[in-house]
Amino acid sequence: MKSTFKNPVLIKELKLRFRSFKSFAGILFYLLVLSVFVFGFIFISTNFTGNGFINPEQSVLLFGMLTYVQLALILFITPGLTAGAISTEREKQTLNILLTSSQSSFQIIFGKMSSSIIFLLLLLIAGLPLYSLVFLFGGISPGQLLIIFAFLIVTMLAIASIGVMFSTLIRKTILSMISTYGAMLFLTGITAFFFVIGISTMENSSLPNHDPAPFSHFWAMINPIALMLTLITPEMSDSLFEITKIHFPVWAGYLIFYMAITIICLLISVKKLRVNMRKKK
């Protein structure tokens, strides 16, 4: 375990990433987007109220908007950072050299993915001062912020592992990136579509007391947008329970599903890393 965290691949990737101007430009862009939303919302809200203050309800709205902007940026940035982790090495013809080193397949995969995760964590930490403005107006507790950040990290890990898996299985970086964004689209958009279809079917049913809807509840549990909605406004969890008749916490199902996705994708990446190279030979 000690050798895993003293990983030459991880150290090399971190040096390359943080010596690049693109990394700091990405952080700047990230903070600019958050700043525009935060200060734009504060400016509009104070002008509409006329008293120069933001009430707690508006503070909750600002917190929710910030959370969804941050979720969208993570979902957009993570595939771009991880989908070329292995395929880029293959295209540069440096993967063979990497595989002949003393590093195990797990250390290579772990180092490649961890460098991207550390950069994404830096983005989250860099956005904390903007989040702290919400506490000035009330309505949000520090514990709620920590829970939001914890599930953002879980989402980040899952998307990153999917990107590394496709990068290992697919030789071309562009195809790997398309596949990763496709998986992300399924987890965000397609699951939401299936959930809406399921809810619409139940509402159009002539039965006054419908049976439990496990599939609709499942689509809600694995959808990042639905999860963040239930975390920001806990009343939405009660509404979901009333609709689906299933009293299983959305956050628990989300945590189980995405941690399983992370583990499975990493195991596939580790197993297939050297297999693909032997097939090529």
C-alpha atoms as a PDB file:
ATOM      1  CA  MET A   1       0.000   0.000   0.000  1.00  0.00           C
ATOM      2  CA  LYS A   2       2.876   2.341   0.803  1.00  0.00           C
ATOM      3  CA  SER A   3       4.352   1.831  -2.674  1.00  0.00           C
ATOM      4  CA  THR A   4       0.977   2.640  -4.196  1.00  0.00           C
ATOM      5  CA  PHE A   5       1.025   6.166  -2.810  1.00  0.00           C
ATOM      6  CA  LYS A   6       4.717   6.587  -3.640  1.00  0.00           C
ATOM      7  CA  ASN A   7       3.818   6.051  -7.241  1.00  0.00           C
ATOM      8  CA  PRO A   8       6.310   7.291  -9.890  1.00  0.00           C
ATOM      9  CA  VAL A   9       3.500   7.427 -12.461  1.00  0.00           C
ATOM     10  CA  LEU A  10       1.411   9.623 -10.168  1.00  0.00           C
ATOM     11  CA  ILE A  11       4.357  11.894  -9.359  1.00  0.00           C
ATOM     12  CA  LYS A  12       5.246  12.258 -13.044  1.00  0.00           C
ATOM     13  CA  GLU A  13       1.649  13.021 -14.038  1.00  0.00           C
ATOM     14  CA  LEU A  14       1.285  15.610 -11.280  1.00  0.00           C
ATOM     15  CA  LYS A  15       4.488  17.368 -12.332  1.00  0.00           C
ATOM     16  CA  LEU A  16       3.416  17.437 -15.969  1.00  0.00           C
ATOM     17  CA  ARG A  17      -0.082  18.637 -15.122  1.00  0.00           C
ATOM     18  CA  PHE A  18       0.876  21.428 -12.745  1.00  0.00           C
ATOM     19  CA  ARG A  19       3.740  22.648 -14.871  1.00  0.00           C
ATOM     20  CA  SER A  20       1.314  23.216 -17.723  1.00  0.00           C
ATOM     21  CA  PHE A  21      -0.301  26.598 -18.298  1.00  0.00           C
ATOM     22  CA  LYS A  22      -3.499  24.820 -19.384  1.00  0.00           C
ATOM     23  CA  SER A  23      -4.106  23.556 -15.849  1.00  0.00           C
ATOM     24  CA  PHE A  24      -4.045  27.021 -14.323  1.00  0.00           C
ATOM     25  CA  ALA A  25      -6.059  28.389 -17.229  1.00  0.00           C
ATOM     26  CA  GLY A  26      -8.658  25.706 -16.502  1.00  0.00           C
ATOM     27  CA  ILE A  27      -8.817  26.710 -12.837  1.00  0.00           C
ATOM     28  CA  LEU A  28      -9.186  30.352 -13.874  1.00  0.00           C
ATOM     29  CA  PHE A  29     -12.025  29.518 -16.267  1.00  0.00           C
ATOM     30  CA  TYR A  30     -13.716  27.403 -13.587  1.00  0.00           C
ATOM     31  CA  LEU A  31     -13.586  30.199 -11.018  1.00  0.00           C
ATOM     32  CA  LEU A  32     -14.716  32.798 -13.538  1.00  0.00           C
ATOM     33  CA  VAL A  33     -17.822  30.749 -14.363  1.00  0.00           C
ATOM     34  CA  LEU A  34     -18.675  30.323 -10.668  1.00  0.00           C
ATOM     35  CA  SER A  35     -18.006  34.008  -9.980  1.00  0.00           C
ATOM     36  CA  VAL A  36     -20.291  35.143 -12.789  1.00  0.00           C
ATOM     37  CA  PHE A  37     -23.148  33.059 -11.390  1.00  0.00           C
ATOM     38  CA  VAL A  38     -22.588  34.077  -7.769  1.00  0.00           C
ATOM     39  CA  PHE A  39     -22.114  37.807  -8.189  1.00  0.00           C
ATOM     40  CA  GLY A  40     -24.672  37.991 -10.983  1.00  0.00           C
ATOM     41  CA  PHE A  41     -27.257  36.326  -8.746  1.00  0.00           C
ATOM     42  CA  ILE A  42     -26.400  38.607  -5.802  1.00  0.00           C
ATOM     43  CA  PHE A  43     -26.620  41.711  -7.992  1.00  0.00           C
ATOM     44  CA  ILE A  44     -29.972  40.720  -9.497  1.00  0.00           C
ATOM     45  CA  SER A  45     -31.456  39.640  -6.133  1.00  0.00           C
ATOM     46  CA  THR A  46     -30.465  42.795  -4.276  1.00  0.00           C
ATOM     47  CA  ASN A  47     -31.848  44.981  -7.076  1.00  0.00           C
ATOM     48  CA  PHE A  48     -35.181  43.158  -7.077  1.00  0.00           C
ATOM     49  CA  THR A  49     -35.626  43.254  -3.317  1.00  0.00           C
ATOM     50  CA  GLY A  50     -34.674  46.925  -3.158  1.00  0.00           C
ATOM     51  CA  ASN A  51     -33.328  46.670   0.401  1.00  0.00           C
ATOM     52  CA  GLY A  52     -29.854  45.405  -0.489  1.00  0.00           C
ATOM     53  CA  PHE A  53     -30.333  42.107   1.355  1.00  0.00           C
ATOM     54  CA  ILE A  54     -30.817  38.465   0.353  1.00  0.00           C
ATOM     55  CA  ASN A  55     -33.281  36.401   2.370  1.00  0.00           C
ATOM     56  CA  PRO A  56     -32.589  32.754   3.340  1.00  0.00           C
ATOM     57  CA  GLU A  57     -34.857  31.418   0.573  1.00  0.00           C
ATOM     58  CA  GLN A  58     -32.775  33.218  -2.030  1.00  0.00           C
ATOM     59  CA  SER A  59     -29.621  31.946  -0.322  1.00  0.00           C
ATOM     60  CA  VAL A  60     -30.839  28.359  -0.738  1.00  0.00           C
ATOM     61  CA  LEU A  61     -31.568  29.108  -4.386  1.00  0.00           C
ATOM     62  CA  LEU A  62     -28.042  30.496  -4.836  1.00  0.00           C
ATOM     63  CA  PHE A  63     -26.585  27.431  -3.124  1.00  0.00           C
ATOM     64  CA  GLY A  64     -28.549  25.127  -5.409  1.00  0.00           C
ATOM     65  CA  MET A  65     -27.513  27.048  -8.504  1.00  0.00           C
ATOM     66  CA  LEU A  66     -23.859  26.942  -7.454  1.00  0.00           C
ATOM     67  CA  THR A  67     -24.099  23.206  -6.798  1.00  0.00           C
ATOM     68  CA  TYR A  68     -25.561  22.460 -10.222  1.00  0.00           C
ATOM     69  CA  VAL A  69     -23.030  24.676 -11.975  1.00  0.00           C
ATOM     70  CA  GLN A  70     -20.249  22.851 -10.159  1.00  0.00           C
ATOM     71  CA  LEU A  71     -21.800  19.470 -10.984  1.00  0.00           C
ATOM     72  CA  ALA A  72     -22.104  20.426 -14.658  1.00  0.00           C
ATOM     73  CA  LEU A  73     -18.486  21.576 -14.809  1.00  0.00           C
ATOM     74  CA  ILE A  74     -17.284  18.362 -13.156  1.00  0.00           C
ATOM     75  CA  LEU A  75     -19.325  16.224 -15.528  1.00  0.00           C
ATOM     76  CA  PHE A  76     -17.918  18.187 -18.459  1.00  0.00           C
ATOM     77  CA  ILE A  77     -14.273  18.359 -17.341  1.00  0.00           C
ATOM     78  CA  THR A  78     -13.730  14.858 -15.896  1.00  0.00           C
ATOM     79  CA  PRO A  79     -14.108  12.872 -19.154  1.00  0.00           C
ATOM     80  CA  GLY A  80     -11.706  15.228 -20.907  1.00  0.00           C
ATOM     81  CA  LEU A  81      -9.056  14.630 -18.229  1.00  0.00           C
ATOM     82  CA  THR A  82      -9.370  10.847 -17.942  1.00  0.00           C
ATOM     83  CA  ALA A  83     -10.572   9.525 -21.311  1.00  0.00           C
ATOM     84  CA  GLY A  84      -7.075   9.834 -22.783  1.00  0.00           C
ATOM     85  CA  ALA A  85      -5.103   8.554 -19.789  1.00  0.00           C
ATOM     86  CA  ILE A  86      -3.980   5.286 -21.419  1.00  0.00           C
ATOM     87  CA  SER A  87      -4.905   5.788 -25.069  1.00  0.00           C
ATOM     88  CA  THR A  88      -2.674   8.876 -25.293  1.00  0.00           C
ATOM     89  CA  GLU A  89       0.287   6.833 -24.089  1.00  0.00           C
ATOM     90  CA  ARG A  90      -0.585   4.232 -26.698  1.00  0.00           C
ATOM     91  CA  GLU A  91      -0.802   6.809 -29.482  1.00  0.00           C
ATOM     92  CA  LYS A  92       2.540   8.308 -28.453  1.00  0.00           C
ATOM     93  CA  GLN A  93       3.996   4.756 -28.424  1.00  0.00           C
ATOM     94  CA  THR A  94       5.198   5.200 -24.846  1.00  0.00           C
ATOM     95  CA  LEU A  95       2.857   2.650 -23.265  1.00  0.00           C
ATOM     96  CA  ASN A  96       5.229  -0.243 -23.953  1.00  0.00           C
ATOM     97  CA  ILE A  97       7.989   1.570 -22.085  1.00  0.00           C
ATOM     98  CA  LEU A  98       5.625   2.223 -19.192  1.00  0.00           C
ATOM     99  CA  LEU A  99       4.587  -1.434 -19.030  1.00  0.00           C
ATOM    100  CA  THR A 100       8.181  -2.661 -18.936  1.00  0.00           C
ATOM    101  CA  SER A 101       8.826  -0.664 -15.767  1.00  0.00           C
ATOM    102  CA  SER A 102       8.526  -2.148 -12.281  1.00  0.00           C
ATOM    103  CA  GLN A 103       5.093  -0.577 -11.812  1.00  0.00           C
ATOM    104  CA  SER A 104       2.129  -2.919 -11.619  1.00  0.00           C
ATOM    105  CA  SER A 105      -0.981  -2.455 -13.735  1.00  0.00           C
ATOM    106  CA  PHE A 106      -2.861  -1.154 -10.713  1.00  0.00           C
ATOM    107  CA  GLN A 107      -0.164   1.425  -9.950  1.00  0.00           C
ATOM    108  CA  ILE A 108      -0.240   2.671 -13.539  1.00  0.00           C
ATOM    109  CA  ILE A 109      -4.034   2.953 -13.609  1.00  0.00           C
ATOM    110  CA  PHE A 110      -4.143   4.414 -10.109  1.00  0.00           C
ATOM    111  CA  GLY A 111      -1.448   6.978 -10.917  1.00  0.00           C
ATOM    112  CA  LYS A 112      -3.099   8.074 -14.158  1.00  0.00           C
ATOM    113  CA  MET A 113      -6.550   8.465 -12.614  1.00  0.00           C
ATOM    114  CA  SER A 114      -5.347   9.982  -9.331  1.00  0.00           C
ATOM    115  CA  SER A 115      -3.548  12.842 -11.059  1.00  0.00           C
ATOM    116  CA  SER A 116      -6.829  13.886 -12.677  1.00  0.00           C
ATOM    117  CA  ILE A 117      -8.747  13.417  -9.419  1.00  0.00           C
ATOM    118  CA  ILE A 118      -6.265  15.603  -7.512  1.00  0.00           C
ATOM    119  CA  PHE A 119      -6.666  18.359 -10.106  1.00  0.00           C
ATOM    120  CA  LEU A 120     -10.459  18.116  -9.849  1.00  0.00           C
ATOM    121  CA  LEU A 121     -10.255  18.240  -6.057  1.00  0.00           C
ATOM    122  CA  LEU A 122      -8.211  21.396  -6.419  1.00  0.00           C
ATOM    123  CA  LEU A 123     -11.054  22.870  -8.467  1.00  0.00           C
ATOM    124  CA  LEU A 124     -13.541  22.047  -5.703  1.00  0.00           C
ATOM    125  CA  ILE A 125     -11.309  23.554  -3.031  1.00  0.00           C
ATOM    126  CA  ALA A 126     -10.694  26.654  -5.146  1.00  0.00           C
ATOM    127  CA  GLY A 127     -14.452  27.226  -5.298  1.00  0.00           C
ATOM    128  CA  LEU A 128     -14.924  27.136  -1.511  1.00  0.00           C
ATOM    129  CA  PRO A 129     -14.483  30.914  -1.004  1.00  0.00           C
ATOM    130  CA  LEU A 130     -17.392  31.496  -3.389  1.00  0.00           C
ATOM    131  CA  TYR A 131     -19.492  28.950  -1.521  1.00  0.00           C
ATOM    132  CA  SER A 132     -18.667  30.713   1.758  1.00  0.00           C
ATOM    133  CA  LEU A 133     -20.634  33.747   0.550  1.00  0.00           C
ATOM    134  CA  VAL A 134     -23.804  31.675   0.906  1.00  0.00           C
ATOM    135  CA  PHE A 135     -23.313  31.379   4.673  1.00  0.00           C
ATOM    136  CA  LEU A 136     -23.484  35.172   4.994  1.00  0.00           C
ATOM    137  CA  PHE A 137     -27.178  35.085   4.085  1.00  0.00           C
ATOM    138  CA  GLY A 138     -28.265  31.994   6.072  1.00  0.00           C
ATOM    139  CA  GLY A 139     -30.428  29.053   5.066  1.00  0.00           C
ATOM    140  CA  ILE A 140     -27.503  26.634   4.495  1.00  0.00           C
ATOM    141  CA  SER A 141     -25.531  24.690   7.095  1.00  0.00           C
ATOM    142  CA  PRO A 142     -21.839  23.680   6.821  1.00  0.00           C
ATOM    143  CA  GLY A 143     -22.886  20.039   7.187  1.00  0.00           C
ATOM    144  CA  GLN A 144     -25.063  20.304   4.090  1.00  0.00           C
ATOM    145  CA  LEU A 145     -22.122  21.741   2.155  1.00  0.00           C
ATOM    146  CA  LEU A 146     -19.877  18.859   3.258  1.00  0.00           C
ATOM    147  CA  ILE A 147     -22.486  16.302   2.148  1.00  0.00           C
ATOM    148  CA  ILE A 148     -22.780  17.987  -1.247  1.00  0.00           C
ATOM    149  CA  PHE A 149     -19.007  17.949  -1.682  1.00  0.00           C
ATOM    150  CA  ALA A 150     -18.803  14.297  -0.624  1.00  0.00           C
ATOM    151  CA  PHE A 151     -21.260  13.249  -3.328  1.00  0.00           C
ATOM    152  CA  LEU A 152     -19.544  15.458  -5.892  1.00  0.00           C
ATOM    153  CA  ILE A 153     -16.350  13.525  -5.138  1.00  0.00           C
ATOM    154  CA  VAL A 154     -18.193  10.185  -5.482  1.00  0.00           C
ATOM    155  CA  THR A 155     -19.546  11.313  -8.850  1.00  0.00           C
ATOM    156  CA  MET A 156     -16.109  12.496  -9.909  1.00  0.00           C
ATOM    157  CA  LEU A 157     -14.531   9.135  -9.008  1.00  0.00           C
ATOM    158  CA  ALA A 158     -17.137   7.202 -10.973  1.00  0.00           C
ATOM    159  CA  ILE A 159     -16.863   9.326 -14.121  1.00  0.00           C
ATOM    160  CA  ALA A 160     -13.052   9.253 -13.894  1.00  0.00           C
ATOM    161  CA  SER A 161     -13.000   5.460 -13.597  1.00  0.00           C
ATOM    162  CA  ILE A 162     -15.318   5.164 -16.608  1.00  0.00           C
ATOM    163  CA  GLY A 163     -12.985   7.416 -18.596  1.00  0.00           C
ATOM    164  CA  VAL A 164      -9.902   5.382 -17.642  1.00  0.00           C
ATOM    165  CA  MET A 165     -11.706   2.144 -18.502  1.00  0.00           C
ATOM    166  CA  PHE A 166     -12.649   3.325 -21.989  1.00  0.00           C
ATOM    167  CA  SER A 167      -9.144   4.717 -22.429  1.00  0.00           C
ATOM    168  CA  THR A 168      -7.776   1.257 -21.658  1.00  0.00           C
ATOM    169  CA  LEU A 169     -10.226  -0.646 -23.865  1.00  0.00           C
ATOM    170  CA  ILE A 170     -10.263   1.720 -26.858  1.00  0.00           C
ATOM    171  CA  ARG A 171      -7.086   2.564 -28.745  1.00  0.00           C
ATOM    172  CA  LYS A 172      -8.120   5.985 -30.072  1.00  0.00           C
ATOM    173  CA  THR A 173      -8.418   8.865 -27.639  1.00  0.00           C
ATOM    174  CA  ILE A 174     -11.230  10.567 -29.548  1.00  0.00           C
ATOM    175  CA  LEU A 175     -13.340   7.387 -29.498  1.00  0.00           C
ATOM    176  CA  SER A 176     -12.594   6.876 -25.822  1.00  0.00           C
ATOM    177  CA  MET A 177     -13.676  10.428 -25.082  1.00  0.00           C
ATOM    178  CA  ILE A 178     -16.888  10.040 -27.076  1.00  0.00           C
ATOM    179  CA  SER A 179     -17.688   6.812 -25.210  1.00  0.00           C
ATOM    180  CA  THR A 180     -17.072   8.468 -21.839  1.00  0.00           C
ATOM    181  CA  TYR A 181     -19.264  11.442 -22.666  1.00  0.00           C
ATOM    182  CA  GLY A 182     -21.888   8.987 -23.923  1.00  0.00           C
ATOM    183  CA  ALA A 183     -21.847   7.150 -20.596  1.00  0.00           C
ATOM    184  CA  MET A 184     -22.097  10.485 -18.782  1.00  0.00           C
ATOM    185  CA  LEU A 185     -25.059  11.463 -20.988  1.00  0.00           C
ATOM    186  CA  PHE A 186     -26.783   8.197 -20.126  1.00  0.00           C
ATOM    187  CA  LEU A 187     -26.274   8.687 -16.380  1.00  0.00           C
ATOM    188  CA  THR A 188     -27.598  12.259 -16.468  1.00  0.00           C
ATOM    189  CA  GLY A 189     -30.003  12.641 -19.378  1.00  0.00           C
ATOM    190  CA  ILE A 190     -31.296   9.185 -20.305  1.00  0.00           C
ATOM    191  CA  THR A 191     -31.940   8.164 -16.704  1.00  0.00           C
ATOM    192  CA  ALA A 192     -33.874  11.401 -16.158  1.00  0.00           C
ATOM    193  CA  PHE A 193     -35.925  10.648 -19.300  1.00  0.00           C
ATOM    194  CA  PHE A 194     -36.741   7.126 -18.069  1.00  0.00           C
ATOM    195  CA  PHE A 195     -37.697   8.509 -14.657  1.00  0.00           C
ATOM    196  CA  VAL A 196     -40.059  11.071 -16.180  1.00  0.00           C
ATOM    197  CA  ILE A 197     -41.624   8.399 -18.408  1.00  0.00           C
ATOM    198  CA  GLY A 198     -42.161   6.130 -15.400  1.00  0.00           C
ATOM    199  CA  ILE A 199     -43.732   8.911 -13.325  1.00  0.00           C
ATOM    200  CA  SER A 200     -45.965   9.977 -16.235  1.00  0.00           C
ATOM    201  CA  THR A 201     -47.161   6.392 -16.675  1.00  0.00           C
ATOM    202  CA  MET A 202     -48.102   6.159 -12.980  1.00  0.00           C
ATOM    203  CA  GLU A 203     -49.902   9.504 -13.034  1.00  0.00           C
ATOM    204  CA  ASN A 204     -51.930   8.457 -16.080  1.00  0.00           C
ATOM    205  CA  SER A 205     -52.889   5.182 -14.423  1.00  0.00           C
ATOM    206  CA  SER A 206     -56.574   4.843 -13.488  1.00  0.00           C
ATOM    207  CA  LEU A 207     -55.703   3.078 -10.215  1.00  0.00           C
ATOM    208  CA  PRO A 208     -55.894   5.451  -7.216  1.00  0.00           C
ATOM    209  CA  ASN A 209     -53.233   3.557  -5.224  1.00  0.00           C
ATOM    210  CA  HIS A 210     -50.594   2.306  -7.611  1.00  0.00           C
ATOM    211  CA  ASP A 211     -48.057  -0.382  -6.818  1.00  0.00           C
ATOM    212  CA  PRO A 212     -44.478   0.513  -5.859  1.00  0.00           C
ATOM    213  CA  ALA A 213     -42.376   1.680  -8.793  1.00  0.00           C
ATOM    214  CA  PRO A 214     -38.881   0.209  -8.282  1.00  0.00           C
ATOM    215  CA  PHE A 215     -37.640   1.125 -11.746  1.00  0.00           C
ATOM    216  CA  SER A 216     -38.621   4.780 -11.422  1.00  0.00           C
ATOM    217  CA  HIS A 217     -36.967   4.899  -8.011  1.00  0.00           C
ATOM    218  CA  PHE A 218     -33.847   3.257  -9.441  1.00  0.00           C
ATOM    219  CA  TRP A 219     -33.539   5.833 -12.254  1.00  0.00           C
ATOM    220  CA  ALA A 220     -33.846   8.604  -9.659  1.00  0.00           C
ATOM    221  CA  MET A 221     -31.191   7.015  -7.436  1.00  0.00           C
ATOM    222  CA  ILE A 222     -28.524   6.883 -10.155  1.00  0.00           C
ATOM    223  CA  ASN A 223     -29.194  10.340 -11.575  1.00  0.00           C
ATOM    224  CA  PRO A 224     -26.764  13.002 -10.247  1.00  0.00           C
ATOM    225  CA  ILE A 225     -29.238  15.814 -10.873  1.00  0.00           C
ATOM    226  CA  ALA A 226     -31.999  14.089  -8.881  1.00  0.00           C
ATOM    227  CA  LEU A 227     -29.608  13.297  -6.042  1.00  0.00           C
ATOM    228  CA  MET A 228     -28.416  16.903  -5.724  1.00  0.00           C
ATOM    229  CA  LEU A 229     -32.039  18.060  -5.730  1.00  0.00           C
ATOM    230  CA  THR A 230     -32.861  15.792  -2.780  1.00  0.00           C
ATOM    231  CA  LEU A 231     -29.733  16.933  -0.913  1.00  0.00           C
ATOM    232  CA  ILE A 232     -30.415  20.638  -1.443  1.00  0.00           C
ATOM    233  CA  THR A 233     -34.128  20.364  -0.624  1.00  0.00           C
ATOM    234  CA  PRO A 234     -34.731  17.303   1.605  1.00  0.00           C
ATOM    235  CA  GLU A 235     -38.480  17.690   1.119  1.00  0.00           C
ATOM    236  CA  MET A 236     -37.989  16.304  -2.396  1.00  0.00           C
ATOM    237  CA  SER A 237     -37.014  12.932  -0.879  1.00  0.00           C
ATOM    238  CA  ASP A 238     -40.386  12.711   0.834  1.00  0.00           C
ATOM    239  CA  SER A 239     -42.143  13.632  -2.403  1.00  0.00           C
ATOM    240  CA  LEU A 240     -40.227  10.935  -4.260  1.00  0.00           C
ATOM    241  CA  PHE A 241     -41.167   8.355  -1.629  1.00  0.00           C
ATOM    242  CA  GLU A 242     -44.831   9.295  -1.993  1.00  0.00           C
ATOM    243  CA  ILE A 243     -44.646   8.864  -5.766  1.00  0.00           C
ATOM    244  CA  THR A 244     -42.671   5.613  -5.980  1.00  0.00           C
ATOM    245  CA  LYS A 245     -43.878   4.043  -2.676  1.00  0.00           C
ATOM    246  CA  ILE A 246     -40.284   2.926  -1.984  1.00  0.00           C
ATOM    247  CA  HIS A 247     -38.678   4.174   1.202  1.00  0.00           C
ATOM    248  CA  PHE A 248     -35.050   3.581   0.344  1.00  0.00           C
ATOM    249  CA  PRO A 249     -32.838   6.694   0.600  1.00  0.00           C
ATOM    250  CA  VAL A 250     -31.777   8.110  -2.732  1.00  0.00           C
ATOM    251  CA  TRP A 251     -28.327   8.983  -1.385  1.00  0.00           C
ATOM    252  CA  ALA A 252     -27.731   5.385  -0.211  1.00  0.00           C
ATOM    253  CA  GLY A 253     -28.648   3.908  -3.592  1.00  0.00           C
ATOM    254  CA  TYR A 254     -26.533   6.513  -5.360  1.00  0.00           C
ATOM    255  CA  LEU A 255     -23.521   5.773  -3.146  1.00  0.00           C
ATOM    256  CA  ILE A 256     -23.796   2.004  -3.626  1.00  0.00           C
ATOM    257  CA  PHE A 257     -24.266   2.244  -7.400  1.00  0.00           C
ATOM    258  CA  TYR A 258     -21.466   4.709  -8.102  1.00  0.00           C
ATOM    259  CA  MET A 259     -18.958   3.066  -5.784  1.00  0.00           C
ATOM    260  CA  ALA A 260     -19.716  -0.253  -7.516  1.00  0.00           C
ATOM    261  CA  ILE A 261     -19.217   1.425 -10.911  1.00  0.00           C
ATOM    262  CA  THR A 262     -15.873   2.839  -9.737  1.00  0.00           C
ATOM    263  CA  ILE A 263     -14.584  -0.515  -8.475  1.00  0.00           C
ATOM    264  CA  ILE A 264     -15.779  -2.470 -11.532  1.00  0.00           C
ATOM    265  CA  CYS A 265     -14.295   0.000 -14.021  1.00  0.00           C
ATOM    266  CA  LEU A 266     -10.956   0.054 -12.207  1.00  0.00           C
ATOM    267  CA  LEU A 267     -10.826  -3.756 -12.099  1.00  0.00           C
ATOM    268  CA  ILE A 268     -11.557  -3.938 -15.832  1.00  0.00           C
ATOM    269  CA  SER A 269      -8.863  -1.341 -16.544  1.00  0.00           C
ATOM    270  CA  VAL A 270      -6.251  -3.181 -14.482  1.00  0.00           C
ATOM    271  CA  LYS A 271      -7.134  -6.535 -16.031  1.00  0.00           C
ATOM    272  CA  LYS A 272      -7.211  -5.324 -19.642  1.00  0.00           C
ATOM    273  CA  LEU A 273      -4.174  -3.029 -19.594  1.00  0.00           C
ATOM    274  CA  ARG A 274      -1.582  -5.703 -20.370  1.00  0.00           C
ATOM    275  CA  VAL A 275      -3.996  -8.052 -22.154  1.00  0.00           C
ATOM    276  CA  ASN A 276      -4.502  -5.528 -24.958  1.00  0.00           C
ATOM    277  CA  MET A 277      -0.772  -5.111 -25.382  1.00  0.00           C
ATOM    278  CA  ARG A 278      -0.225  -8.889 -25.625  1.00  0.00           C
ATOM    279  CA  LYS A 279      -2.938  -9.101 -28.284  1.00  0.00           C
ATOM    280  CA  LYS A 280      -1.212  -6.337 -30.250  1.00  0.00           C
ATOM    281  CA  LYS A 281       2.058  -8.249 -30.142  1.00  0.00           C
END
